[in-house]
Amino acid sequence: MEEGDRNKFLSLVRTEIDEEAASKPLDKEIENQLTKNMIDYAAEKRNFIYPCTKAELKFFGDGRVVTLVCADTLTFGYAPLISKTAKSMVPKSHTFYLHKPAGTNKLEIIR
């Protein structure tokens, strides 16, 4: 996200896009719009990313889903990736939930 690499970001969130599109009425236009939204989101230039000096893992779904949460006093409770863009000076916390698909040893973004 910091580099603005649209293709790399899109490949990481492909599962999220597919799942969100599947949860809506069947319409190819919805999936196309979700993809466009993610591409635009990845292309936004992040001006500043807050430091998260201490993070901890949080598990959900009987330990099947994990995310990182800041544990320091400045950003407590937020995801460790916090940024601002040129469009909005309001900080945005980027939360990603990860899971390990059956038969693999790699974590993937699920939502």
C-alpha atoms as a PDB file:
ATOM      1  CA  MET A   1       0.000   0.000   0.000  1.00  0.00           C
ATOM      2  CA  GLU A   2       2.798   2.388   0.834  1.00  0.00           C
ATOM      3  CA  GLU A   3       4.383   1.778  -2.568  1.00  0.00           C
ATOM      4  CA  GLY A   4       1.072   2.094  -4.425  1.00  0.00           C
ATOM      5  CA  ASP A   5       1.587  -1.268  -6.163  1.00  0.00           C
ATOM      6  CA  ARG A   6      -1.964  -1.900  -7.361  1.00  0.00           C
ATOM      7  CA  ASN A   7      -1.365  -5.368  -8.788  1.00  0.00           C
ATOM      8  CA  LYS A   8       0.400  -6.688  -5.710  1.00  0.00           C
ATOM      9  CA  PHE A   9      -2.281  -5.287  -3.384  1.00  0.00           C
ATOM     10  CA  LEU A  10      -5.051  -6.672  -5.596  1.00  0.00           C
ATOM     11  CA  SER A  11      -3.488 -10.131  -5.560  1.00  0.00           C
ATOM     12  CA  LEU A  12      -3.376 -10.041  -1.745  1.00  0.00           C
ATOM     13  CA  VAL A  13      -7.036  -9.023  -1.347  1.00  0.00           C
ATOM     14  CA  ARG A  14      -8.470 -11.175  -4.165  1.00  0.00           C
ATOM     15  CA  THR A  15     -10.072 -13.599  -1.662  1.00  0.00           C
ATOM     16  CA  GLU A  16     -11.695 -10.664   0.156  1.00  0.00           C
ATOM     17  CA  ILE A  17     -13.141  -9.326  -3.114  1.00  0.00           C
ATOM     18  CA  ASP A  18     -14.410 -12.753  -4.179  1.00  0.00           C
ATOM     19  CA  GLU A  19     -16.067 -13.385  -0.799  1.00  0.00           C
ATOM     20  CA  GLU A  20     -17.724  -9.978  -0.691  1.00  0.00           C
ATOM     21  CA  ALA A  21     -18.986 -10.373  -4.260  1.00  0.00           C
ATOM     22  CA  ALA A  22     -20.333 -13.839  -3.404  1.00  0.00           C
ATOM     23  CA  SER A  23     -22.272 -12.409  -0.473  1.00  0.00           C
ATOM     24  CA  LYS A  24     -24.189 -10.041  -2.739  1.00  0.00           C
ATOM     25  CA  PRO A  25     -26.753 -10.833  -5.435  1.00  0.00           C
ATOM     26  CA  LEU A  26     -25.080 -12.492  -8.404  1.00  0.00           C
ATOM     27  CA  ASP A  27     -23.920  -9.673 -10.610  1.00  0.00           C
ATOM     28  CA  LYS A  28     -20.565  -9.457 -12.397  1.00  0.00           C
ATOM     29  CA  GLU A  29     -20.760  -5.658 -12.170  1.00  0.00           C
ATOM     30  CA  ILE A  30     -20.544  -5.854  -8.357  1.00  0.00           C
ATOM     31  CA  GLU A  31     -17.293  -7.827  -8.530  1.00  0.00           C
ATOM     32  CA  ASN A  32     -15.914  -5.403 -11.120  1.00  0.00           C
ATOM     33  CA  GLN A  33     -16.806  -2.418  -8.906  1.00  0.00           C
ATOM     34  CA  LEU A  34     -15.249  -4.047  -5.829  1.00  0.00           C
ATOM     35  CA  THR A  35     -12.067  -4.705  -7.816  1.00  0.00           C
ATOM     36  CA  LYS A  36     -11.983  -1.095  -9.044  1.00  0.00           C
ATOM     37  CA  ASN A  37     -12.503   0.180  -5.493  1.00  0.00           C
ATOM     38  CA  MET A  38      -9.572  -1.904  -4.235  1.00  0.00           C
ATOM     39  CA  ILE A  39      -7.335  -0.738  -7.094  1.00  0.00           C
ATOM     40  CA  ASP A  40      -8.196   2.902  -6.372  1.00  0.00           C
ATOM     41  CA  TYR A  41      -7.620   2.290  -2.660  1.00  0.00           C
ATOM     42  CA  ALA A  42      -4.174   0.795  -3.311  1.00  0.00           C
ATOM     43  CA  ALA A  43      -3.208   3.638  -5.645  1.00  0.00           C
ATOM     44  CA  GLU A  44      -3.882   6.382  -3.086  1.00  0.00           C
ATOM     45  CA  LYS A  45      -0.616   7.909  -1.960  1.00  0.00           C
ATOM     46  CA  ARG A  46      -0.194   7.535   1.784  1.00  0.00           C
ATOM     47  CA  ASN A  47       1.402  10.664   3.213  1.00  0.00           C
ATOM     48  CA  PHE A  48       2.167   9.437   6.716  1.00  0.00           C
ATOM     49  CA  ILE A  49       2.018   6.180   8.576  1.00  0.00           C
ATOM     50  CA  TYR A  50       1.828   6.314  12.362  1.00  0.00           C
ATOM     51  CA  PRO A  51       4.345   4.203  14.205  1.00  0.00           C
ATOM     52  CA  CYS A  52       3.039   1.259  16.145  1.00  0.00           C
ATOM     53  CA  THR A  53       5.900   0.328  18.424  1.00  0.00           C
ATOM     54  CA  LYS A  54       4.224  -2.666  20.060  1.00  0.00           C
ATOM     55  CA  ALA A  55       1.705  -4.999  18.434  1.00  0.00           C
ATOM     56  CA  GLU A  56       0.051  -8.222  19.525  1.00  0.00           C
ATOM     57  CA  LEU A  57      -1.791 -11.017  17.765  1.00  0.00           C
ATOM     58  CA  LYS A  58      -5.547 -11.309  18.268  1.00  0.00           C
ATOM     59  CA  PHE A  59      -7.256 -14.588  17.404  1.00  0.00           C
ATOM     60  CA  PHE A  60     -10.889 -15.064  16.384  1.00  0.00           C
ATOM     61  CA  GLY A  61     -13.068 -17.933  15.182  1.00  0.00           C
ATOM     62  CA  ASP A  62     -11.669 -20.561  17.545  1.00  0.00           C
ATOM     63  CA  GLY A  63      -8.122 -19.568  16.574  1.00  0.00           C
ATOM     64  CA  ARG A  64      -8.683 -19.861  12.818  1.00  0.00           C
ATOM     65  CA  VAL A  65      -8.480 -16.122  12.062  1.00  0.00           C
ATOM     66  CA  VAL A  66      -5.771 -13.718  13.238  1.00  0.00           C
ATOM     67  CA  THR A  67      -5.004 -10.007  13.041  1.00  0.00           C
ATOM     68  CA  LEU A  68      -2.478  -7.603  14.537  1.00  0.00           C
ATOM     69  CA  VAL A  69      -3.531  -4.932  17.038  1.00  0.00           C
ATOM     70  CA  CYS A  70      -1.401  -2.120  18.485  1.00  0.00           C
ATOM     71  CA  ALA A  71      -0.715  -2.423  22.183  1.00  0.00           C
ATOM     72  CA  ASP A  72       1.182   0.858  22.711  1.00  0.00           C
ATOM     73  CA  THR A  73      -0.443   3.883  24.342  1.00  0.00           C
ATOM     74  CA  LEU A  74      -0.600   6.120  21.229  1.00  0.00           C
ATOM     75  CA  THR A  75      -2.411   3.680  18.936  1.00  0.00           C
ATOM     76  CA  PHE A  76      -3.879   1.144  21.385  1.00  0.00           C
ATOM     77  CA  GLY A  77      -6.543  -1.071  19.837  1.00  0.00           C
ATOM     78  CA  TYR A  78      -5.933  -0.037  16.223  1.00  0.00           C
ATOM     79  CA  ALA A  79      -4.383  -2.118  13.469  1.00  0.00           C
ATOM     80  CA  PRO A  80      -0.642  -1.379  13.229  1.00  0.00           C
ATOM     81  CA  LEU A  81      -0.986   0.052   9.730  1.00  0.00           C
ATOM     82  CA  ILE A  82      -2.403   3.567  10.132  1.00  0.00           C
ATOM     83  CA  SER A  83      -2.110   6.173   7.395  1.00  0.00           C
ATOM     84  CA  LYS A  84      -3.335   9.444   5.957  1.00  0.00           C
ATOM     85  CA  THR A  85      -3.848  10.265   2.297  1.00  0.00           C
ATOM     86  CA  ALA A  86      -3.769  13.514   0.352  1.00  0.00           C
ATOM     87  CA  LYS A  87      -7.570  13.263  -0.001  1.00  0.00           C
ATOM     88  CA  SER A  88      -8.273  12.899   3.707  1.00  0.00           C
ATOM     89  CA  MET A  89      -6.304  14.112   6.683  1.00  0.00           C
ATOM     90  CA  VAL A  90      -8.290  11.773   8.944  1.00  0.00           C
ATOM     91  CA  PRO A  91      -6.121   8.770   9.848  1.00  0.00           C
ATOM     92  CA  LYS A  92      -7.284   5.412   8.497  1.00  0.00           C
ATOM     93  CA  SER A  93      -6.568   2.144  10.241  1.00  0.00           C
ATOM     94  CA  HIS A  94      -6.054  -0.698   7.756  1.00  0.00           C
ATOM     95  CA  THR A  95      -7.206  -3.924   9.380  1.00  0.00           C
ATOM     96  CA  PHE A  96      -6.520  -7.213   7.655  1.00  0.00           C
ATOM     97  CA  TYR A  97      -7.735 -10.564   8.919  1.00  0.00           C
ATOM     98  CA  LEU A  98      -5.646 -13.562   7.976  1.00  0.00           C
ATOM     99  CA  HIS A  99      -6.229 -17.294   7.883  1.00  0.00           C
ATOM    100  CA  LYS A 100      -4.247 -20.337   6.786  1.00  0.00           C
ATOM    101  CA  PRO A 101      -6.131 -22.294   4.103  1.00  0.00           C
ATOM    102  CA  ALA A 102      -6.188 -26.071   4.538  1.00  0.00           C
ATOM    103  CA  GLY A 103      -3.160 -27.765   3.052  1.00  0.00           C
ATOM    104  CA  THR A 104      -0.912 -24.672   3.068  1.00  0.00           C
ATOM    105  CA  ASN A 105       1.628 -23.102   5.385  1.00  0.00           C
ATOM    106  CA  LYS A 106       0.960 -19.504   4.338  1.00  0.00           C
ATOM    107  CA  LEU A 107      -1.387 -16.948   5.816  1.00  0.00           C
ATOM    108  CA  GLU A 108      -3.772 -15.231   3.387  1.00  0.00           C
ATOM    109  CA  ILE A 109      -5.937 -12.153   3.739  1.00  0.00           C
ATOM    110  CA  ILE A 110      -9.514 -13.268   4.260  1.00  0.00           C
ATOM    111  CA  ARG A 111     -11.195  -9.913   5.041  1.00  0.00           C
END
